[in-house]
Amino acid sequence: TGYHHKSPVVEVAYRKGQFMNVTGERTSEETFYKALSRTAKEEWNLTLKDYTTVEYFLKEGNRKPRYVVFVELADGIDGSQPVERVLTSEEMKELDVHLGKQNKSYQALRTNGRLQQIEVITVRNGTFEEVRQGMIANGVGATQIKQPRVTRNEKLIEILERGKV
């Protein structure tokens, strides 16, 4: 965005497959990150260290689809103190509100009841390093790893689930 000398400076808004799209709302990685990081900083007074989102399509009963975001959080002036606690329903609602402000389609689907409130799951410090190691074990080169912001990979989801606080 802008120029460095005579060369244009560009910012990648999202990577292939990194849109969340449970019911047609198409939430980009950039949009989601803005809502999540702002909520962590302004509402939770915490530092967002890392995150990955999973789209859950629930087929049993009449439960509606939802997003589940796995987060690694920190506290302290420099963000060096890991926070390993379950977030409250009020804290999750704050993220839901921020996400609705960033994406009006998301807000409309929440209002009409087609999408459940987002669920936030805190994971233990080091869980995302385990995810990286899992990606390497699956053949991704160590220098090519990009933390997925949206994943549908069952093996990575299993690592995240095991890391739950």
N, C-alpha and C. Protein backbone atom coordinates (compact mmCIF):
# COMPACT_ATOMS: atom_id res chain seq x y z
N THR A 1 0.84 -1.18 0.00
CA THR A 1 0.00 0.00 0.00
C THR A 1 0.88 1.23 0.00
N GLY A 2 1.06 1.81 -1.16
CA GLY A 2 1.93 2.95 -1.33
C GLY A 2 3.14 2.59 -2.16
N TYR A 3 4.20 3.39 -2.01
CA TYR A 3 5.42 3.17 -2.78
C TYR A 3 6.63 3.24 -1.88
N HIS A 4 7.65 2.47 -2.24
CA HIS A 4 8.97 2.56 -1.65
C HIS A 4 9.88 2.98 -2.79
N HIS A 5 10.33 4.22 -2.76
CA HIS A 5 11.01 4.84 -3.88
C HIS A 5 10.06 4.79 -5.07
N LYS A 6 10.40 4.07 -6.14
CA LYS A 6 9.51 3.99 -7.30
C LYS A 6 8.79 2.65 -7.41
N SER A 7 9.05 1.78 -6.44
CA SER A 7 8.44 0.45 -6.48
C SER A 7 7.16 0.43 -5.64
N PRO A 8 6.10 -0.16 -6.19
CA PRO A 8 4.87 -0.25 -5.39
C PRO A 8 5.03 -1.23 -4.23
N VAL A 9 4.44 -0.88 -3.11
CA VAL A 9 4.43 -1.75 -1.94
C VAL A 9 3.03 -2.36 -1.87
N VAL A 10 2.98 -3.69 -1.84
CA VAL A 10 1.68 -4.37 -1.80
C VAL A 10 1.59 -5.18 -0.52
N GLU A 11 0.37 -5.40 -0.10
CA GLU A 11 0.11 -6.21 1.07
C GLU A 11 -0.85 -7.31 0.66
N VAL A 12 -0.48 -8.56 0.95
CA VAL A 12 -1.33 -9.69 0.60
C VAL A 12 -2.50 -9.73 1.59
N ALA A 13 -3.72 -9.67 1.07
CA ALA A 13 -4.90 -9.64 1.92
C ALA A 13 -5.29 -11.02 2.42
N TYR A 14 -5.05 -12.04 1.62
CA TYR A 14 -5.39 -13.40 2.03
C TYR A 14 -4.68 -14.40 1.14
N ARG A 15 -4.59 -15.63 1.63
CA ARG A 15 -3.99 -16.72 0.87
C ARG A 15 -5.09 -17.63 0.37
N LYS A 16 -4.79 -18.39 -0.65
CA LYS A 16 -5.75 -19.33 -1.21
C LYS A 16 -6.27 -20.26 -0.12
N GLY A 17 -7.59 -20.44 -0.09
CA GLY A 17 -8.21 -21.34 0.88
C GLY A 17 -8.33 -20.76 2.27
N GLN A 18 -8.03 -19.48 2.44
CA GLN A 18 -8.03 -18.88 3.76
C GLN A 18 -9.27 -18.02 4.02
N PHE A 19 -10.30 -18.20 3.21
CA PHE A 19 -11.59 -17.56 3.48
C PHE A 19 -12.41 -18.48 4.36
N MET A 20 -13.14 -17.90 5.30
CA MET A 20 -14.10 -18.67 6.07
C MET A 20 -15.44 -18.45 5.40
N ASN A 21 -16.15 -19.53 5.14
CA ASN A 21 -17.37 -19.42 4.36
C ASN A 21 -18.32 -20.55 4.74
N VAL A 22 -18.87 -20.47 5.94
CA VAL A 22 -19.75 -21.52 6.43
C VAL A 22 -21.11 -21.47 5.75
N THR A 23 -21.66 -20.28 5.60
CA THR A 23 -23.00 -20.15 5.02
C THR A 23 -23.09 -19.02 3.99
N GLY A 24 -21.98 -18.72 3.32
CA GLY A 24 -22.01 -17.71 2.26
C GLY A 24 -21.52 -16.33 2.67
N GLU A 25 -20.98 -16.19 3.88
CA GLU A 25 -20.56 -14.87 4.38
C GLU A 25 -19.18 -14.45 3.92
N ARG A 26 -18.33 -15.38 3.46
CA ARG A 26 -16.99 -15.11 2.96
C ARG A 26 -16.21 -14.10 3.81
N THR A 27 -15.72 -14.56 4.93
CA THR A 27 -14.90 -13.73 5.82
C THR A 27 -13.44 -13.96 5.48
N SER A 28 -12.74 -12.91 5.07
CA SER A 28 -11.33 -13.05 4.70
C SER A 28 -10.46 -13.17 5.93
N GLU A 29 -9.27 -13.67 5.70
CA GLU A 29 -8.27 -13.78 6.76
C GLU A 29 -7.99 -12.41 7.38
N GLU A 30 -7.87 -11.40 6.54
CA GLU A 30 -7.59 -10.04 7.00
C GLU A 30 -8.72 -9.51 7.89
N THR A 31 -9.96 -9.70 7.44
CA THR A 31 -11.12 -9.24 8.21
C THR A 31 -11.19 -9.93 9.55
N PHE A 32 -10.99 -11.24 9.55
CA PHE A 32 -11.07 -11.99 10.79
C PHE A 32 -9.95 -11.56 11.74
N TYR A 33 -8.74 -11.41 11.22
CA TYR A 33 -7.61 -11.01 12.06
C TYR A 33 -7.86 -9.66 12.71
N LYS A 34 -8.39 -8.71 11.94
CA LYS A 34 -8.68 -7.39 12.51
C LYS A 34 -9.63 -7.49 13.69
N ALA A 35 -10.70 -8.26 13.52
CA ALA A 35 -11.69 -8.41 14.60
C ALA A 35 -11.07 -9.12 15.80
N LEU A 36 -10.33 -10.20 15.56
CA LEU A 36 -9.75 -10.98 16.66
C LEU A 36 -8.68 -10.20 17.40
N SER A 37 -7.75 -9.59 16.68
CA SER A 37 -6.66 -8.88 17.35
C SER A 37 -7.19 -7.66 18.10
N ARG A 38 -8.16 -6.96 17.53
CA ARG A 38 -8.76 -5.80 18.20
C ARG A 38 -9.48 -6.24 19.48
N THR A 39 -10.22 -7.33 19.40
CA THR A 39 -10.94 -7.83 20.57
C THR A 39 -9.96 -8.25 21.66
N ALA A 40 -8.91 -8.98 21.29
CA ALA A 40 -7.92 -9.42 22.27
C ALA A 40 -7.28 -8.23 22.98
N LYS A 41 -6.92 -7.23 22.21
CA LYS A 41 -6.23 -6.08 22.77
C LYS A 41 -7.17 -5.16 23.56
N GLU A 42 -8.30 -4.78 22.95
CA GLU A 42 -9.16 -3.76 23.54
C GLU A 42 -10.15 -4.30 24.56
N GLU A 43 -10.64 -5.52 24.36
CA GLU A 43 -11.67 -6.05 25.25
C GLU A 43 -11.11 -7.00 26.29
N TRP A 44 -10.18 -7.85 25.88
CA TRP A 44 -9.65 -8.86 26.80
C TRP A 44 -8.37 -8.39 27.48
N ASN A 45 -7.77 -7.30 26.99
CA ASN A 45 -6.49 -6.79 27.50
C ASN A 45 -5.40 -7.86 27.45
N LEU A 46 -5.37 -8.59 26.34
CA LEU A 46 -4.40 -9.66 26.14
C LEU A 46 -3.72 -9.49 24.79
N THR A 47 -2.63 -10.20 24.61
CA THR A 47 -1.90 -10.21 23.34
C THR A 47 -2.23 -11.51 22.61
N LEU A 48 -2.60 -11.40 21.35
CA LEU A 48 -2.85 -12.57 20.51
C LEU A 48 -1.51 -13.04 19.98
N LYS A 49 -1.10 -14.25 20.39
CA LYS A 49 0.17 -14.80 19.92
C LYS A 49 0.00 -15.55 18.60
N ASP A 50 -1.07 -16.34 18.51
CA ASP A 50 -1.31 -17.11 17.29
C ASP A 50 -2.75 -17.60 17.29
N TYR A 51 -3.23 -17.99 16.11
CA TYR A 51 -4.60 -18.49 16.02
C TYR A 51 -4.80 -19.29 14.74
N THR A 52 -5.79 -20.14 14.78
CA THR A 52 -6.29 -20.85 13.60
C THR A 52 -7.78 -21.04 13.80
N THR A 53 -8.52 -20.92 12.72
CA THR A 53 -9.97 -21.06 12.77
C THR A 53 -10.40 -22.32 12.04
N VAL A 54 -11.43 -22.96 12.58
CA VAL A 54 -12.01 -24.15 11.99
C VAL A 54 -13.49 -23.87 11.76
N GLU A 55 -13.98 -24.25 10.60
CA GLU A 55 -15.41 -24.13 10.31
C GLU A 55 -16.08 -25.44 10.72
N TYR A 56 -17.05 -25.36 11.60
CA TYR A 56 -17.77 -26.56 12.03
C TYR A 56 -19.14 -26.58 11.39
N PHE A 57 -19.39 -27.65 10.64
CA PHE A 57 -20.69 -27.88 10.04
C PHE A 57 -21.33 -29.00 10.84
N LEU A 58 -22.28 -28.67 11.65
CA LEU A 58 -22.88 -29.66 12.55
C LEU A 58 -24.10 -30.28 11.90
N LYS A 59 -24.08 -31.59 11.76
CA LYS A 59 -25.16 -32.28 11.09
C LYS A 59 -26.13 -32.93 12.06
N GLU A 60 -25.69 -33.14 13.31
CA GLU A 60 -26.56 -33.79 14.26
C GLU A 60 -27.59 -32.81 14.82
N GLY A 61 -28.81 -33.25 14.94
CA GLY A 61 -29.86 -32.40 15.50
C GLY A 61 -30.09 -31.16 14.67
N ASN A 62 -30.47 -30.09 15.32
CA ASN A 62 -30.76 -28.85 14.59
C ASN A 62 -29.72 -27.77 14.90
N ARG A 63 -28.52 -28.17 15.30
CA ARG A 63 -27.49 -27.19 15.60
C ARG A 63 -27.02 -26.53 14.30
N LYS A 64 -26.73 -25.27 14.40
CA LYS A 64 -26.30 -24.50 13.24
C LYS A 64 -24.77 -24.48 13.16
N PRO A 65 -24.23 -24.22 11.97
CA PRO A 65 -22.78 -24.15 11.82
C PRO A 65 -22.22 -22.97 12.60
N ARG A 66 -20.91 -23.05 12.88
CA ARG A 66 -20.24 -21.98 13.62
C ARG A 66 -18.75 -22.02 13.30
N TYR A 67 -18.09 -20.94 13.67
CA TYR A 67 -16.64 -20.90 13.63
C TYR A 67 -16.12 -21.26 15.01
N VAL A 68 -15.00 -21.96 15.04
CA VAL A 68 -14.28 -22.19 16.29
C VAL A 68 -12.87 -21.69 16.04
N VAL A 69 -12.42 -20.77 16.89
CA VAL A 69 -11.07 -20.25 16.74
C VAL A 69 -10.24 -20.72 17.93
N PHE A 70 -9.09 -21.31 17.62
CA PHE A 70 -8.14 -21.76 18.62
C PHE A 70 -7.11 -20.65 18.76
N VAL A 71 -6.89 -20.17 19.99
CA VAL A 71 -5.99 -19.04 20.21
C VAL A 71 -4.93 -19.37 21.25
N GLU A 72 -3.76 -18.80 21.03
CA GLU A 72 -2.70 -18.81 22.02
C GLU A 72 -2.56 -17.35 22.44
N LEU A 73 -2.73 -17.10 23.74
CA LEU A 73 -2.78 -15.73 24.26
C LEU A 73 -1.65 -15.48 25.25
N ALA A 74 -1.34 -14.19 25.44
CA ALA A 74 -0.31 -13.81 26.40
C ALA A 74 -0.74 -12.53 27.11
N ASP A 75 -0.09 -12.29 28.22
CA ASP A 75 -0.34 -11.11 29.03
C ASP A 75 1.00 -10.47 29.33
N GLY A 76 0.97 -9.34 29.97
CA GLY A 76 2.21 -8.65 30.31
C GLY A 76 2.51 -7.57 29.29
N ILE A 77 3.33 -6.64 29.68
CA ILE A 77 3.65 -5.49 28.83
C ILE A 77 4.23 -5.94 27.50
N ASP A 78 5.09 -6.95 27.53
CA ASP A 78 5.73 -7.42 26.30
C ASP A 78 5.07 -8.69 25.75
N GLY A 79 3.95 -9.10 26.32
CA GLY A 79 3.25 -10.30 25.84
C GLY A 79 4.01 -11.58 26.10
N SER A 80 4.82 -11.59 27.15
CA SER A 80 5.67 -12.76 27.40
C SER A 80 5.06 -13.77 28.37
N GLN A 81 3.98 -13.42 29.03
CA GLN A 81 3.38 -14.31 30.02
C GLN A 81 2.21 -15.07 29.38
N PRO A 82 2.37 -16.39 29.16
CA PRO A 82 1.27 -17.15 28.55
C PRO A 82 0.00 -17.08 29.41
N VAL A 83 -1.13 -16.98 28.73
CA VAL A 83 -2.44 -17.00 29.39
C VAL A 83 -3.09 -18.32 29.03
N GLU A 84 -3.32 -19.12 30.02
CA GLU A 84 -3.91 -20.44 29.78
C GLU A 84 -5.16 -20.57 30.64
N ARG A 85 -6.22 -19.92 30.18
CA ARG A 85 -7.51 -19.99 30.86
C ARG A 85 -8.62 -20.04 29.83
N VAL A 86 -9.74 -20.58 30.22
CA VAL A 86 -10.90 -20.64 29.35
C VAL A 86 -11.51 -19.24 29.31
N LEU A 87 -11.81 -18.77 28.12
CA LEU A 87 -12.46 -17.46 28.00
C LEU A 87 -13.94 -17.59 28.39
N THR A 88 -14.47 -16.51 28.92
CA THR A 88 -15.87 -16.50 29.34
C THR A 88 -16.79 -16.35 28.13
N SER A 89 -18.06 -16.66 28.34
CA SER A 89 -19.03 -16.49 27.25
C SER A 89 -19.15 -15.01 26.87
N GLU A 90 -18.98 -14.13 27.83
CA GLU A 90 -19.02 -12.68 27.54
C GLU A 90 -17.84 -12.28 26.65
N GLU A 91 -16.67 -12.84 26.91
CA GLU A 91 -15.50 -12.53 26.08
C GLU A 91 -15.70 -13.04 24.65
N MET A 92 -16.31 -14.22 24.53
CA MET A 92 -16.59 -14.76 23.19
C MET A 92 -17.61 -13.88 22.47
N LYS A 93 -18.58 -13.38 23.21
CA LYS A 93 -19.59 -12.50 22.61
C LYS A 93 -18.95 -11.21 22.11
N GLU A 94 -17.95 -10.70 22.82
CA GLU A 94 -17.25 -9.49 22.38
C GLU A 94 -16.60 -9.71 21.01
N LEU A 95 -15.99 -10.88 20.81
CA LEU A 95 -15.42 -11.20 19.50
C LEU A 95 -16.51 -11.30 18.45
N ASP A 96 -17.62 -11.93 18.80
CA ASP A 96 -18.75 -12.06 17.88
C ASP A 96 -19.22 -10.68 17.40
N VAL A 97 -19.31 -9.74 18.32
CA VAL A 97 -19.74 -8.37 17.99
C VAL A 97 -18.72 -7.70 17.07
N HIS A 98 -17.43 -7.80 17.41
CA HIS A 98 -16.39 -7.19 16.58
C HIS A 98 -16.38 -7.79 15.17
N LEU A 99 -16.57 -9.11 15.09
CA LEU A 99 -16.59 -9.76 13.78
C LEU A 99 -17.79 -9.29 12.96
N GLY A 100 -18.92 -9.12 13.62
CA GLY A 100 -20.11 -8.59 12.93
C GLY A 100 -19.90 -7.18 12.41
N LYS A 101 -19.15 -6.37 13.15
CA LYS A 101 -18.84 -5.00 12.70
C LYS A 101 -17.93 -5.02 11.48
N GLN A 102 -17.01 -6.01 11.42
CA GLN A 102 -16.07 -6.12 10.31
C GLN A 102 -16.71 -6.74 9.06
N ASN A 103 -17.71 -7.60 9.26
CA ASN A 103 -18.33 -8.32 8.15
C ASN A 103 -19.85 -8.32 8.33
N LYS A 104 -20.51 -7.47 7.56
CA LYS A 104 -21.97 -7.30 7.69
C LYS A 104 -22.72 -8.58 7.31
N SER A 105 -22.17 -9.38 6.41
CA SER A 105 -22.83 -10.65 6.07
C SER A 105 -22.82 -11.59 7.26
N TYR A 106 -21.70 -11.62 7.98
CA TYR A 106 -21.61 -12.43 9.19
C TYR A 106 -22.66 -11.96 10.20
N GLN A 107 -22.73 -10.65 10.38
CA GLN A 107 -23.69 -10.08 11.33
C GLN A 107 -25.13 -10.44 10.94
N ALA A 108 -25.46 -10.37 9.67
CA ALA A 108 -26.82 -10.71 9.21
C ALA A 108 -27.13 -12.18 9.47
N LEU A 109 -26.17 -13.07 9.23
CA LEU A 109 -26.40 -14.49 9.47
C LEU A 109 -26.52 -14.80 10.96
N ARG A 110 -25.82 -14.05 11.79
CA ARG A 110 -25.96 -14.21 13.24
C ARG A 110 -27.33 -13.70 13.68
N THR A 111 -27.75 -12.58 13.12
CA THR A 111 -29.04 -11.98 13.49
C THR A 111 -30.21 -12.88 13.10
N ASN A 112 -30.14 -13.47 11.90
CA ASN A 112 -31.26 -14.31 11.46
C ASN A 112 -31.16 -15.76 11.97
N GLY A 113 -30.10 -16.06 12.73
CA GLY A 113 -30.00 -17.36 13.38
C GLY A 113 -29.43 -18.49 12.54
N ARG A 114 -28.89 -18.18 11.36
CA ARG A 114 -28.33 -19.24 10.52
C ARG A 114 -26.92 -19.64 10.92
N LEU A 115 -26.29 -18.85 11.78
CA LEU A 115 -24.92 -19.10 12.20
C LEU A 115 -24.85 -18.93 13.71
N GLN A 116 -24.26 -19.91 14.40
CA GLN A 116 -24.10 -19.81 15.85
C GLN A 116 -22.98 -18.84 16.20
N GLN A 117 -22.99 -18.38 17.44
CA GLN A 117 -21.93 -17.50 17.93
C GLN A 117 -20.59 -18.23 17.85
N ILE A 118 -19.57 -17.47 17.54
CA ILE A 118 -18.22 -18.02 17.46
C ILE A 118 -17.80 -18.60 18.81
N GLU A 119 -17.03 -19.67 18.77
CA GLU A 119 -16.48 -20.27 19.98
C GLU A 119 -14.98 -20.03 19.97
N VAL A 120 -14.44 -19.61 21.11
CA VAL A 120 -13.01 -19.36 21.23
C VAL A 120 -12.43 -20.37 22.21
N ILE A 121 -11.43 -21.11 21.75
CA ILE A 121 -10.79 -22.12 22.59
C ILE A 121 -9.33 -21.72 22.79
N THR A 122 -8.99 -21.50 24.05
CA THR A 122 -7.60 -21.19 24.38
C THR A 122 -6.81 -22.49 24.40
N VAL A 123 -5.62 -22.46 23.81
CA VAL A 123 -4.74 -23.62 23.81
C VAL A 123 -3.50 -23.32 24.65
N ARG A 124 -2.87 -24.38 25.11
CA ARG A 124 -1.65 -24.24 25.90
C ARG A 124 -0.54 -23.58 25.09
N ASN A 125 0.31 -22.88 25.81
CA ASN A 125 1.50 -22.29 25.22
C ASN A 125 2.30 -23.40 24.51
N GLY A 126 2.69 -23.18 23.28
CA GLY A 126 3.46 -24.16 22.52
C GLY A 126 2.62 -25.01 21.58
N THR A 127 1.30 -24.91 21.66
CA THR A 127 0.45 -25.73 20.79
C THR A 127 0.68 -25.41 19.32
N PHE A 128 0.86 -24.14 18.99
CA PHE A 128 1.06 -23.79 17.58
C PHE A 128 2.43 -24.24 17.08
N GLU A 129 3.39 -24.38 17.98
CA GLU A 129 4.67 -24.98 17.58
C GLU A 129 4.44 -26.46 17.24
N GLU A 130 3.57 -27.13 18.00
CA GLU A 130 3.22 -28.52 17.68
C GLU A 130 2.53 -28.61 16.32
N VAL A 131 1.70 -27.63 16.01
CA VAL A 131 1.05 -27.59 14.69
C VAL A 131 2.11 -27.47 13.60
N ARG A 132 3.08 -26.59 13.81
CA ARG A 132 4.16 -26.43 12.82
C ARG A 132 4.93 -27.74 12.64
N GLN A 133 5.23 -28.40 13.74
CA GLN A 133 5.95 -29.67 13.66
C GLN A 133 5.10 -30.73 12.94
N GLY A 134 3.79 -30.69 13.17
CA GLY A 134 2.88 -31.60 12.46
C GLY A 134 2.88 -31.34 10.96
N MET A 135 2.97 -30.07 10.57
CA MET A 135 3.03 -29.73 9.16
C MET A 135 4.33 -30.23 8.54
N ILE A 136 5.42 -30.11 9.28
CA ILE A 136 6.72 -30.61 8.80
C ILE A 136 6.65 -32.13 8.64
N ALA A 137 6.05 -32.80 9.62
CA ALA A 137 5.91 -34.26 9.55
C ALA A 137 5.07 -34.70 8.35
N ASN A 138 4.18 -33.82 7.89
CA ASN A 138 3.33 -34.12 6.73
C ASN A 138 3.97 -33.68 5.42
N GLY A 139 5.25 -33.27 5.46
CA GLY A 139 5.98 -32.99 4.23
C GLY A 139 6.15 -31.54 3.86
N VAL A 140 5.70 -30.60 4.69
CA VAL A 140 5.91 -29.18 4.40
C VAL A 140 7.33 -28.82 4.82
N GLY A 141 8.06 -28.17 3.94
CA GLY A 141 9.42 -27.77 4.26
C GLY A 141 9.43 -26.75 5.39
N ALA A 142 10.40 -26.89 6.30
CA ALA A 142 10.46 -26.01 7.48
C ALA A 142 10.51 -24.54 7.11
N THR A 143 11.12 -24.19 5.98
CA THR A 143 11.20 -22.79 5.58
C THR A 143 9.95 -22.34 4.81
N GLN A 144 9.07 -23.27 4.50
CA GLN A 144 7.87 -22.95 3.72
C GLN A 144 6.59 -22.90 4.57
N ILE A 145 6.72 -23.08 5.87
CA ILE A 145 5.54 -23.14 6.73
C ILE A 145 4.90 -21.78 6.88
N LYS A 146 3.61 -21.76 6.62
CA LYS A 146 2.78 -20.58 6.88
C LYS A 146 1.63 -21.07 7.73
N GLN A 147 1.53 -20.52 8.93
CA GLN A 147 0.47 -20.96 9.85
C GLN A 147 -0.88 -20.80 9.17
N PRO A 148 -1.65 -21.88 9.02
CA PRO A 148 -2.97 -21.73 8.40
C PRO A 148 -3.90 -20.96 9.33
N ARG A 149 -4.57 -19.97 8.81
CA ARG A 149 -5.53 -19.19 9.61
C ARG A 149 -6.91 -19.81 9.55
N VAL A 150 -7.12 -20.63 8.54
CA VAL A 150 -8.32 -21.46 8.44
C VAL A 150 -7.80 -22.84 8.09
N THR A 151 -8.23 -23.85 8.84
CA THR A 151 -7.78 -25.20 8.50
C THR A 151 -8.96 -26.15 8.44
N ARG A 152 -8.84 -27.08 7.53
CA ARG A 152 -9.79 -28.18 7.40
C ARG A 152 -9.05 -29.51 7.55
N ASN A 153 -7.75 -29.41 7.87
CA ASN A 153 -6.88 -30.57 7.99
C ASN A 153 -7.13 -31.28 9.32
N GLU A 154 -7.62 -32.51 9.25
CA GLU A 154 -8.00 -33.26 10.46
C GLU A 154 -6.82 -33.47 11.41
N LYS A 155 -5.63 -33.72 10.87
CA LYS A 155 -4.47 -33.94 11.74
C LYS A 155 -4.11 -32.69 12.52
N LEU A 156 -4.19 -31.54 11.88
CA LEU A 156 -3.89 -30.28 12.57
C LEU A 156 -4.99 -29.97 13.60
N ILE A 157 -6.23 -30.26 13.25
CA ILE A 157 -7.33 -30.04 14.19
C ILE A 157 -7.16 -30.92 15.43
N GLU A 158 -6.70 -32.15 15.24
CA GLU A 158 -6.44 -33.04 16.39
C GLU A 158 -5.38 -32.45 17.32
N ILE A 159 -4.34 -31.86 16.77
CA ILE A 159 -3.29 -31.24 17.58
C ILE A 159 -3.89 -30.07 18.37
N LEU A 160 -4.70 -29.25 17.71
CA LEU A 160 -5.32 -28.11 18.37
C LEU A 160 -6.26 -28.58 19.49
N GLU A 161 -7.03 -29.61 19.21
CA GLU A 161 -7.96 -30.15 20.22
C GLU A 161 -7.19 -30.68 21.44
N ARG A 162 -6.08 -31.33 21.20
CA ARG A 162 -5.26 -31.85 22.32
C ARG A 162 -4.67 -30.72 23.15
N GLY A 163 -4.48 -29.56 22.54
CA GLY A 163 -3.87 -28.42 23.24
C GLY A 163 -4.85 -27.59 24.06
N LYS A 164 -6.13 -27.94 24.01
CA LYS A 164 -7.15 -27.15 24.73
C LYS A 164 -6.81 -27.02 26.21
N VAL A 165 -7.03 -25.82 26.73
CA VAL A 165 -6.85 -25.55 28.16
C VAL A 165 -8.05 -26.12 28.91
